[in-house]
Amino acid sequence: MGDSYAQSKIIVLQKIVSKIAKKLPNDNSEITLGFKSQQKSKRIVPVARSLKSMDAFPIND
């Protein structure tokens, strides 16, 4: 995604998911946010994924 507006929106979503994940009951739970791809080769494209103690996708400000 080369569009800086789209990238900034993804970062905001990643931060929201990360903040909510910190409130999960344990490290076995996770929050994943993605979108359905139009390409047949990719079904779901993940945007944000976090556990209570870790962000699976680093948040790049």
C-alpha atoms as a PDB file:
ATOM      1  CA  MET A   1       0.000   0.000   0.000  1.00  0.00           C
ATOM      2  CA  GLY A   2       1.833   3.036  -1.222  1.00  0.00           C
ATOM      3  CA  ASP A   3      -0.918   5.488  -0.343  1.00  0.00           C
ATOM      4  CA  SER A   4       0.140   7.403   2.800  1.00  0.00           C
ATOM      5  CA  TYR A   5      -3.505   8.010   3.770  1.00  0.00           C
ATOM      6  CA  ALA A   6      -4.226   4.268   3.664  1.00  0.00           C
ATOM      7  CA  GLN A   7      -1.054   3.518   5.624  1.00  0.00           C
ATOM      8  CA  SER A   8      -1.983   6.009   8.339  1.00  0.00           C
ATOM      9  CA  LYS A   9      -5.441   4.440   8.647  1.00  0.00           C
ATOM     10  CA  ILE A  10      -3.884   0.977   9.005  1.00  0.00           C
ATOM     11  CA  ILE A  11      -1.595   2.269  11.759  1.00  0.00           C
ATOM     12  CA  VAL A  12      -4.604   3.695  13.606  1.00  0.00           C
ATOM     13  CA  LEU A  13      -6.387   0.332  13.342  1.00  0.00           C
ATOM     14  CA  GLN A  14      -3.262  -1.499  14.557  1.00  0.00           C
ATOM     15  CA  LYS A  15      -3.046   0.798  17.595  1.00  0.00           C
ATOM     16  CA  ILE A  16      -6.717   0.234  18.435  1.00  0.00           C
ATOM     17  CA  VAL A  17      -6.340  -3.550  18.169  1.00  0.00           C
ATOM     18  CA  SER A  18      -3.163  -3.415  20.285  1.00  0.00           C
ATOM     19  CA  LYS A  19      -4.852  -1.333  22.990  1.00  0.00           C
ATOM     20  CA  ILE A  20      -7.866  -3.646  23.179  1.00  0.00           C
ATOM     21  CA  ALA A  21      -5.649  -6.758  23.197  1.00  0.00           C
ATOM     22  CA  LYS A  22      -3.890  -5.536  26.351  1.00  0.00           C
ATOM     23  CA  LYS A  23      -7.225  -6.124  28.139  1.00  0.00           C
ATOM     24  CA  LEU A  24      -7.575  -9.753  27.027  1.00  0.00           C
ATOM     25  CA  PRO A  25      -7.801 -12.312  29.845  1.00  0.00           C
ATOM     26  CA  ASN A  26      -4.685 -14.289  28.829  1.00  0.00           C
ATOM     27  CA  ASP A  27      -1.993 -14.752  26.177  1.00  0.00           C
ATOM     28  CA  ASN A  28      -3.911 -17.554  24.479  1.00  0.00           C
ATOM     29  CA  SER A  29      -6.502 -15.073  23.209  1.00  0.00           C
ATOM     30  CA  GLU A  30      -5.833 -12.801  20.258  1.00  0.00           C
ATOM     31  CA  ILE A  31      -7.511 -10.142  18.179  1.00  0.00           C
ATOM     32  CA  THR A  32      -7.066 -10.225  14.415  1.00  0.00           C
ATOM     33  CA  LEU A  33      -8.392  -7.652  11.982  1.00  0.00           C
ATOM     34  CA  GLY A  34      -8.317  -8.206   8.231  1.00  0.00           C
ATOM     35  CA  PHE A  35     -10.204  -7.657   5.034  1.00  0.00           C
ATOM     36  CA  LYS A  36     -11.463  -9.934   2.302  1.00  0.00           C
ATOM     37  CA  SER A  37      -9.213  -9.706  -0.743  1.00  0.00           C
ATOM     38  CA  GLN A  38     -10.553  -9.363  -4.256  1.00  0.00           C
ATOM     39  CA  GLN A  39      -7.774 -11.671  -5.483  1.00  0.00           C
ATOM     40  CA  LYS A  40      -8.582 -15.369  -5.515  1.00  0.00           C
ATOM     41  CA  SER A  41      -5.076 -16.278  -4.342  1.00  0.00           C
ATOM     42  CA  LYS A  42      -5.540 -14.367  -1.067  1.00  0.00           C
ATOM     43  CA  ARG A  43      -8.715 -14.884   0.887  1.00  0.00           C
ATOM     44  CA  ILE A  44      -8.211 -12.751   4.017  1.00  0.00           C
ATOM     45  CA  VAL A  45      -5.467 -10.133   4.233  1.00  0.00           C
ATOM     46  CA  PRO A  46      -4.546  -9.447   7.873  1.00  0.00           C
ATOM     47  CA  VAL A  47      -4.100  -5.815   8.886  1.00  0.00           C
ATOM     48  CA  ALA A  48      -3.624  -6.077  12.649  1.00  0.00           C
ATOM     49  CA  ARG A  49      -3.039  -8.957  15.042  1.00  0.00           C
ATOM     50  CA  SER A  50      -2.263  -8.688  18.738  1.00  0.00           C
ATOM     51  CA  LEU A  51      -2.008 -10.856  21.813  1.00  0.00           C
ATOM     52  CA  LYS A  52      -2.166  -9.512  25.357  1.00  0.00           C
ATOM     53  CA  SER A  53       1.621  -9.269  25.589  1.00  0.00           C
ATOM     54  CA  MET A  54       2.661  -8.803  21.963  1.00  0.00           C
ATOM     55  CA  ASP A  55       1.734  -7.195  18.646  1.00  0.00           C
ATOM     56  CA  ALA A  56       2.179  -9.763  15.878  1.00  0.00           C
ATOM     57  CA  PHE A  57       2.401  -6.957  13.323  1.00  0.00           C
ATOM     58  CA  PRO A  58       4.796  -4.239  14.485  1.00  0.00           C
ATOM     59  CA  ILE A  59       3.209  -0.796  14.549  1.00  0.00           C
ATOM     60  CA  ASN A  60       5.328   1.513  12.400  1.00  0.00           C
ATOM     61  CA  ASP A  61       4.596   5.157  13.155  1.00  0.00           C
END
